[in-house]
Amino acid sequence: MTFNKIQFNFPQILAGAAVAFVLVLPTCHAEQAHSQSAPGAWQFGSEIDVLPYATGGYYASAFAGQNGWRYRGVATRANIPSFMVADGFRDKRTDAYAVLVDRFFGAKRQNLEGFWIGGGGEFWRNRIRTESAPDYANYSNFILTAGGGYVWKFSRHFYLNPWAGAHFVAGGSRNVQVSGKSYEQRVFTPEASVKIGFTF
């Protein structure tokens, strides 16, 4: 089992982070004081999750928030690292589409800052193949997900969002036939990462 997919993409991730830091740094100095949103005002933005890009995938999201509540839509692709795939199988890929709701807590919740917890539903489209055969097997799952994190705004428009969560298979295929072998989809999948966010 190897970590080649993650290691191969880290230089690209670091380079992108360095460029983003250089672009954002002037904004940070120009906006040292955070502007608080008026009570009841809607906020809109987007996030990028580091983890899917580190595996050679992508992540796209958009959100709207009001009064400490945030509503998110996500579309993402991840190539699953080999240490999370059963022996005898390889090249597992998951395309996920999610609708999620988060609740913020604390003094800055109106500005969608600080600690949050959330959950929602996801639809996963998966593909996988065996170590010895070139053909993929495709299957799908319905997922219930829950998690939490902390939003730290370092300027008016940009923030970091470290988070952790768990995904539970609620429906779809779990035992999949792949080129004559049986692959079992895990019921529980943990996840942790860091997101870079932007608010308008």
C-alpha atoms as a PDB file:
ATOM      1  CA  MET A   1       0.000   0.000   0.000  1.00  0.00           C
ATOM      2  CA  THR A   2       1.342   3.416  -0.911  1.00  0.00           C
ATOM      3  CA  PHE A   3       0.598   7.110  -0.475  1.00  0.00           C
ATOM      4  CA  ASN A   4       1.834   7.992  -3.944  1.00  0.00           C
ATOM      5  CA  LYS A   5      -1.262   9.905  -5.043  1.00  0.00           C
ATOM      6  CA  ILE A   6      -1.104  12.230  -2.067  1.00  0.00           C
ATOM      7  CA  GLN A   7       2.665  12.727  -2.207  1.00  0.00           C
ATOM      8  CA  PHE A   8       2.628  13.438  -5.929  1.00  0.00           C
ATOM      9  CA  ASN A   9       0.206  16.338  -5.507  1.00  0.00           C
ATOM     10  CA  PHE A  10       1.639  18.017  -2.412  1.00  0.00           C
ATOM     11  CA  PRO A  11       4.070  20.274  -4.360  1.00  0.00           C
ATOM     12  CA  GLN A  12       1.137  21.610  -6.371  1.00  0.00           C
ATOM     13  CA  ILE A  13      -0.889  22.183  -3.213  1.00  0.00           C
ATOM     14  CA  LEU A  14       1.966  24.010  -1.495  1.00  0.00           C
ATOM     15  CA  ALA A  15       2.580  26.161  -4.550  1.00  0.00           C
ATOM     16  CA  GLY A  16      -1.091  27.074  -4.742  1.00  0.00           C
ATOM     17  CA  ALA A  17      -1.171  27.894  -1.032  1.00  0.00           C
ATOM     18  CA  ALA A  18       1.871  30.146  -1.417  1.00  0.00           C
ATOM     19  CA  VAL A  19       0.249  32.041  -4.289  1.00  0.00           C
ATOM     20  CA  ALA A  20      -2.995  32.398  -2.328  1.00  0.00           C
ATOM     21  CA  PHE A  21      -1.078  33.702   0.699  1.00  0.00           C
ATOM     22  CA  VAL A  22       0.717  36.332  -1.374  1.00  0.00           C
ATOM     23  CA  LEU A  23      -2.557  37.480  -2.930  1.00  0.00           C
ATOM     24  CA  VAL A  24      -4.411  37.609   0.374  1.00  0.00           C
ATOM     25  CA  LEU A  25      -1.680  39.213   2.506  1.00  0.00           C
ATOM     26  CA  PRO A  26      -2.367  42.801   1.352  1.00  0.00           C
ATOM     27  CA  THR A  27      -6.041  42.313   2.154  1.00  0.00           C
ATOM     28  CA  CYS A  28      -5.158  41.165   5.668  1.00  0.00           C
ATOM     29  CA  HIS A  29      -3.117  44.314   6.359  1.00  0.00           C
ATOM     30  CA  ALA A  30      -5.740  46.589   4.862  1.00  0.00           C
ATOM     31  CA  GLU A  31      -8.566  45.077   6.908  1.00  0.00           C
ATOM     32  CA  GLN A  32      -7.233  44.428  10.380  1.00  0.00           C
ATOM     33  CA  ALA A  33     -10.627  44.921  11.973  1.00  0.00           C
ATOM     34  CA  HIS A  34     -13.336  42.454  11.063  1.00  0.00           C
ATOM     35  CA  SER A  35     -16.565  44.015   9.951  1.00  0.00           C
ATOM     36  CA  GLN A  36     -19.524  42.356  11.646  1.00  0.00           C
ATOM     37  CA  SER A  37     -22.579  41.602   9.542  1.00  0.00           C
ATOM     38  CA  ALA A  38     -25.806  43.308  10.475  1.00  0.00           C
ATOM     39  CA  PRO A  39     -28.229  41.028  12.331  1.00  0.00           C
ATOM     40  CA  GLY A  40     -30.420  39.170   9.872  1.00  0.00           C
ATOM     41  CA  ALA A  41     -28.246  39.969   6.855  1.00  0.00           C
ATOM     42  CA  TRP A  42     -27.605  37.149   4.411  1.00  0.00           C
ATOM     43  CA  GLN A  43     -23.995  36.216   3.666  1.00  0.00           C
ATOM     44  CA  PHE A  44     -22.771  34.332   0.616  1.00  0.00           C
ATOM     45  CA  GLY A  45     -19.504  32.628  -0.160  1.00  0.00           C
ATOM     46  CA  SER A  46     -17.549  29.599  -1.264  1.00  0.00           C
ATOM     47  CA  GLU A  47     -14.941  27.182   0.113  1.00  0.00           C
ATOM     48  CA  ILE A  48     -12.117  25.027  -1.229  1.00  0.00           C
ATOM     49  CA  ASP A  49     -11.191  21.848   0.647  1.00  0.00           C
ATOM     50  CA  VAL A  50      -7.505  20.886   0.563  1.00  0.00           C
ATOM     51  CA  LEU A  51      -8.030  17.105   0.848  1.00  0.00           C
ATOM     52  CA  PRO A  52      -9.709  16.319  -2.515  1.00  0.00           C
ATOM     53  CA  TYR A  53      -7.067  18.344  -4.388  1.00  0.00           C
ATOM     54  CA  ALA A  54      -4.319  16.487  -2.515  1.00  0.00           C
ATOM     55  CA  THR A  55      -5.654  13.222  -3.963  1.00  0.00           C
ATOM     56  CA  GLY A  56      -5.904  14.571  -7.507  1.00  0.00           C
ATOM     57  CA  GLY A  57      -9.591  15.454  -7.335  1.00  0.00           C
ATOM     58  CA  TYR A  58     -11.529  18.692  -6.975  1.00  0.00           C
ATOM     59  CA  TYR A  59     -13.922  20.490  -4.638  1.00  0.00           C
ATOM     60  CA  ALA A  60     -16.579  23.101  -5.427  1.00  0.00           C
ATOM     61  CA  SER A  61     -19.041  24.606  -2.979  1.00  0.00           C
ATOM     62  CA  ALA A  62     -21.319  27.562  -2.390  1.00  0.00           C
ATOM     63  CA  PHE A  63     -23.128  28.668   0.742  1.00  0.00           C
ATOM     64  CA  ALA A  64     -25.637  31.165   2.068  1.00  0.00           C
ATOM     65  CA  GLY A  65     -25.915  32.027   5.748  1.00  0.00           C
ATOM     66  CA  GLN A  66     -28.073  34.050   8.105  1.00  0.00           C
ATOM     67  CA  ASN A  67     -28.460  34.400  11.887  1.00  0.00           C
ATOM     68  CA  GLY A  68     -25.800  31.797  12.673  1.00  0.00           C
ATOM     69  CA  TRP A  69     -27.136  29.236  10.178  1.00  0.00           C
ATOM     70  CA  ARG A  70     -25.226  28.255   7.034  1.00  0.00           C
ATOM     71  CA  TYR A  71     -26.661  26.285   4.091  1.00  0.00           C
ATOM     72  CA  ARG A  72     -24.162  24.599   1.760  1.00  0.00           C
ATOM     73  CA  GLY A  73     -24.115  22.786  -1.533  1.00  0.00           C
ATOM     74  CA  VAL A  74     -21.023  20.741  -2.427  1.00  0.00           C
ATOM     75  CA  ALA A  75     -19.757  18.821  -5.457  1.00  0.00           C
ATOM     76  CA  THR A  76     -16.439  17.029  -5.059  1.00  0.00           C
ATOM     77  CA  ARG A  77     -14.256  14.228  -6.413  1.00  0.00           C
ATOM     78  CA  ALA A  78     -11.655  12.310  -4.423  1.00  0.00           C
ATOM     79  CA  ASN A  79      -9.285   9.505  -5.383  1.00  0.00           C
ATOM     80  CA  ILE A  80      -9.278   7.317  -2.296  1.00  0.00           C
ATOM     81  CA  PRO A  81      -5.773   6.648  -0.846  1.00  0.00           C
ATOM     82  CA  SER A  82      -4.725   3.009  -1.046  1.00  0.00           C
ATOM     83  CA  PHE A  83      -4.528   2.604   2.745  1.00  0.00           C
ATOM     84  CA  MET A  84      -8.309   3.168   2.860  1.00  0.00           C
ATOM     85  CA  VAL A  85      -9.025   0.525   0.201  1.00  0.00           C
ATOM     86  CA  ALA A  86      -9.203  -3.218   0.932  1.00  0.00           C
ATOM     87  CA  ASP A  87      -6.331  -5.432  -0.210  1.00  0.00           C
ATOM     88  CA  GLY A  88      -6.725  -6.687  -3.751  1.00  0.00           C
ATOM     89  CA  PHE A  89      -8.479  -3.530  -4.984  1.00  0.00           C
ATOM     90  CA  ARG A  90      -7.218  -0.230  -6.374  1.00  0.00           C
ATOM     91  CA  ASP A  91      -8.056   3.095  -8.023  1.00  0.00           C
ATOM     92  CA  LYS A  92     -11.196   3.802  -6.045  1.00  0.00           C
ATOM     93  CA  ARG A  93     -12.769   7.153  -6.904  1.00  0.00           C
ATOM     94  CA  THR A  94     -15.769   8.866  -5.349  1.00  0.00           C
ATOM     95  CA  ASP A  95     -17.851  11.707  -6.774  1.00  0.00           C
ATOM     96  CA  ALA A  96     -19.955  13.219  -4.001  1.00  0.00           C
ATOM     97  CA  TYR A  97     -22.846  15.679  -4.100  1.00  0.00           C
ATOM     98  CA  ALA A  98     -24.039  17.070  -0.774  1.00  0.00           C
ATOM     99  CA  VAL A  99     -26.613  19.387   0.788  1.00  0.00           C
ATOM    100  CA  LEU A 100     -25.610  20.447   4.316  1.00  0.00           C
ATOM    101  CA  VAL A 101     -26.788  22.715   7.138  1.00  0.00           C
ATOM    102  CA  ASP A 102     -24.462  24.150   9.812  1.00  0.00           C
ATOM    103  CA  ARG A 103     -25.093  25.940  13.096  1.00  0.00           C
ATOM    104  CA  PHE A 104     -22.569  28.389  14.579  1.00  0.00           C
ATOM    105  CA  PHE A 105     -22.121  29.077  18.294  1.00  0.00           C
ATOM    106  CA  GLY A 106     -20.603  31.898  20.307  1.00  0.00           C
ATOM    107  CA  ALA A 107     -20.444  35.677  20.196  1.00  0.00           C
ATOM    108  CA  LYS A 108     -19.537  35.838  16.504  1.00  0.00           C
ATOM    109  CA  ARG A 109     -22.103  33.371  15.205  1.00  0.00           C
ATOM    110  CA  GLN A 110     -24.012  36.145  13.376  1.00  0.00           C
ATOM    111  CA  ASN A 111     -20.880  36.664  11.273  1.00  0.00           C
ATOM    112  CA  LEU A 112     -20.530  32.895  10.641  1.00  0.00           C
ATOM    113  CA  GLU A 113     -17.370  32.729  12.743  1.00  0.00           C
ATOM    114  CA  GLY A 114     -16.207  30.420  15.509  1.00  0.00           C
ATOM    115  CA  PHE A 115     -17.279  26.871  16.317  1.00  0.00           C
ATOM    116  CA  TRP A 116     -19.919  25.130  14.222  1.00  0.00           C
ATOM    117  CA  ILE A 117     -21.576  21.727  13.919  1.00  0.00           C
ATOM    118  CA  GLY A 118     -23.587  20.479  10.995  1.00  0.00           C
ATOM    119  CA  GLY A 119     -24.934  17.626   8.957  1.00  0.00           C
ATOM    120  CA  GLY A 120     -26.898  16.627   5.919  1.00  0.00           C
ATOM    121  CA  GLY A 121     -27.269  14.169   3.079  1.00  0.00           C
ATOM    122  CA  GLU A 122     -24.933  13.109   0.294  1.00  0.00           C
ATOM    123  CA  PHE A 123     -25.045  11.037  -2.865  1.00  0.00           C
ATOM    124  CA  TRP A 124     -21.855   9.134  -3.750  1.00  0.00           C
ATOM    125  CA  ARG A 125     -20.984   7.710  -7.159  1.00  0.00           C
ATOM    126  CA  ASN A 126     -18.088   5.285  -6.793  1.00  0.00           C
ATOM    127  CA  ARG A 127     -15.870   3.264  -9.070  1.00  0.00           C
ATOM    128  CA  ILE A 128     -13.203   0.675  -8.222  1.00  0.00           C
ATOM    129  CA  ARG A 129     -11.252  -2.170  -9.819  1.00  0.00           C
ATOM    130  CA  THR A 130      -9.140  -5.097  -8.697  1.00  0.00           C
ATOM    131  CA  GLU A 131      -5.355  -5.243  -8.677  1.00  0.00           C
ATOM    132  CA  SER A 132      -5.385  -7.785 -11.510  1.00  0.00           C
ATOM    133  CA  ALA A 133      -8.169  -6.568 -13.854  1.00  0.00           C
ATOM    134  CA  PRO A 134      -8.543  -3.351 -15.870  1.00  0.00           C
ATOM    135  CA  ASP A 135     -12.338  -3.098 -15.717  1.00  0.00           C
ATOM    136  CA  TYR A 136     -14.105  -0.837 -13.216  1.00  0.00           C
ATOM    137  CA  ALA A 137     -17.219  -1.627 -11.220  1.00  0.00           C
ATOM    138  CA  ASN A 138     -19.561   1.292 -10.557  1.00  0.00           C
ATOM    139  CA  TYR A 139     -21.941   1.667  -7.640  1.00  0.00           C
ATOM    140  CA  SER A 140     -23.630   4.396  -5.619  1.00  0.00           C
ATOM    141  CA  ASN A 141     -24.541   5.171  -2.005  1.00  0.00           C
ATOM    142  CA  PHE A 142     -26.782   7.512  -0.063  1.00  0.00           C
ATOM    143  CA  ILE A 143     -24.879   9.003   2.877  1.00  0.00           C
ATOM    144  CA  LEU A 144     -25.753  10.715   6.157  1.00  0.00           C
ATOM    145  CA  THR A 145     -22.943  12.979   7.311  1.00  0.00           C
ATOM    146  CA  ALA A 146     -22.168  14.954  10.481  1.00  0.00           C
ATOM    147  CA  GLY A 147     -19.225  17.082  11.525  1.00  0.00           C
ATOM    148  CA  GLY A 148     -17.923  20.271  13.016  1.00  0.00           C
ATOM    149  CA  GLY A 149     -15.115  22.756  12.870  1.00  0.00           C
ATOM    150  CA  TYR A 150     -13.947  26.292  13.557  1.00  0.00           C
ATOM    151  CA  VAL A 151     -14.048  29.275  11.190  1.00  0.00           C
ATOM    152  CA  TRP A 152     -11.208  31.746  11.716  1.00  0.00           C
ATOM    153  CA  LYS A 153     -11.506  34.907   9.623  1.00  0.00           C
ATOM    154  CA  PHE A 154      -8.115  36.512   9.054  1.00  0.00           C
ATOM    155  CA  SER A 155      -9.554  39.267   6.855  1.00  0.00           C
ATOM    156  CA  ARG A 156     -12.947  40.621   5.923  1.00  0.00           C
ATOM    157  CA  HIS A 157     -13.372  38.188   3.032  1.00  0.00           C
ATOM    158  CA  PHE A 158     -11.054  35.213   3.687  1.00  0.00           C
ATOM    159  CA  TYR A 159     -10.956  32.558   6.389  1.00  0.00           C
ATOM    160  CA  LEU A 160      -9.598  29.142   7.383  1.00  0.00           C
ATOM    161  CA  ASN A 161     -11.926  26.342   8.428  1.00  0.00           C
ATOM    162  CA  PRO A 162     -10.307  23.233   9.981  1.00  0.00           C
ATOM    163  CA  TRP A 163     -12.934  20.546  10.372  1.00  0.00           C
ATOM    164  CA  ALA A 164     -13.632  16.879  10.994  1.00  0.00           C
ATOM    165  CA  GLY A 165     -16.607  14.699  10.233  1.00  0.00           C
ATOM    166  CA  ALA A 166     -18.003  11.248   9.644  1.00  0.00           C
ATOM    167  CA  HIS A 167     -20.003   9.676   6.828  1.00  0.00           C
ATOM    168  CA  PHE A 168     -22.505   6.841   7.355  1.00  0.00           C
ATOM    169  CA  VAL A 169     -23.895   4.681   4.550  1.00  0.00           C
ATOM    170  CA  ALA A 170     -27.696   4.893   4.704  1.00  0.00           C
ATOM    171  CA  GLY A 171     -28.538   3.240   1.394  1.00  0.00           C
ATOM    172  CA  GLY A 172     -27.250   1.925  -1.885  1.00  0.00           C
ATOM    173  CA  SER A 173     -24.795  -0.867  -2.651  1.00  0.00           C
ATOM    174  CA  ARG A 174     -22.448  -2.207   0.011  1.00  0.00           C
ATOM    175  CA  ASN A 175     -21.357  -5.570  -1.401  1.00  0.00           C
ATOM    176  CA  VAL A 176     -20.131  -4.998  -4.940  1.00  0.00           C
ATOM    177  CA  GLN A 177     -18.893  -7.566  -7.424  1.00  0.00           C
ATOM    178  CA  VAL A 178     -15.665  -6.393  -9.052  1.00  0.00           C
ATOM    179  CA  SER A 179     -14.201  -8.676 -11.735  1.00  0.00           C
ATOM    180  CA  GLY A 180     -15.271 -11.777  -9.818  1.00  0.00           C
ATOM    181  CA  LYS A 181     -14.271 -10.453  -6.379  1.00  0.00           C
ATOM    182  CA  SER A 182     -16.513  -9.042  -3.665  1.00  0.00           C
ATOM    183  CA  TYR A 183     -15.783  -5.534  -2.397  1.00  0.00           C
ATOM    184  CA  GLU A 184     -17.522  -4.281   0.741  1.00  0.00           C
ATOM    185  CA  GLN A 185     -18.162  -0.555   1.118  1.00  0.00           C
ATOM    186  CA  ARG A 186     -17.435   0.665   4.638  1.00  0.00           C
ATOM    187  CA  VAL A 187     -20.448   1.723   6.699  1.00  0.00           C
ATOM    188  CA  PHE A 188     -18.443   4.436   8.487  1.00  0.00           C
ATOM    189  CA  THR A 189     -15.852   6.746   6.904  1.00  0.00           C
ATOM    190  CA  PRO A 190     -14.052   9.409   8.992  1.00  0.00           C
ATOM    191  CA  GLU A 191     -12.628  12.544   7.405  1.00  0.00           C
ATOM    192  CA  ALA A 192     -10.642  15.613   8.498  1.00  0.00           C
ATOM    193  CA  SER A 193      -9.203  18.472   6.511  1.00  0.00           C
ATOM    194  CA  VAL A 194      -8.817  22.252   6.192  1.00  0.00           C
ATOM    195  CA  LYS A 195     -10.918  24.508   3.997  1.00  0.00           C
ATOM    196  CA  ILE A 196     -10.066  27.945   2.655  1.00  0.00           C
ATOM    197  CA  GLY A 197     -13.151  30.127   2.441  1.00  0.00           C
ATOM    198  CA  PHE A 198     -14.245  33.362   0.815  1.00  0.00           C
ATOM    199  CA  THR A 199     -17.247  35.531   1.692  1.00  0.00           C
ATOM    200  CA  PHE A 200     -18.610  38.265  -0.553  1.00  0.00           C
END
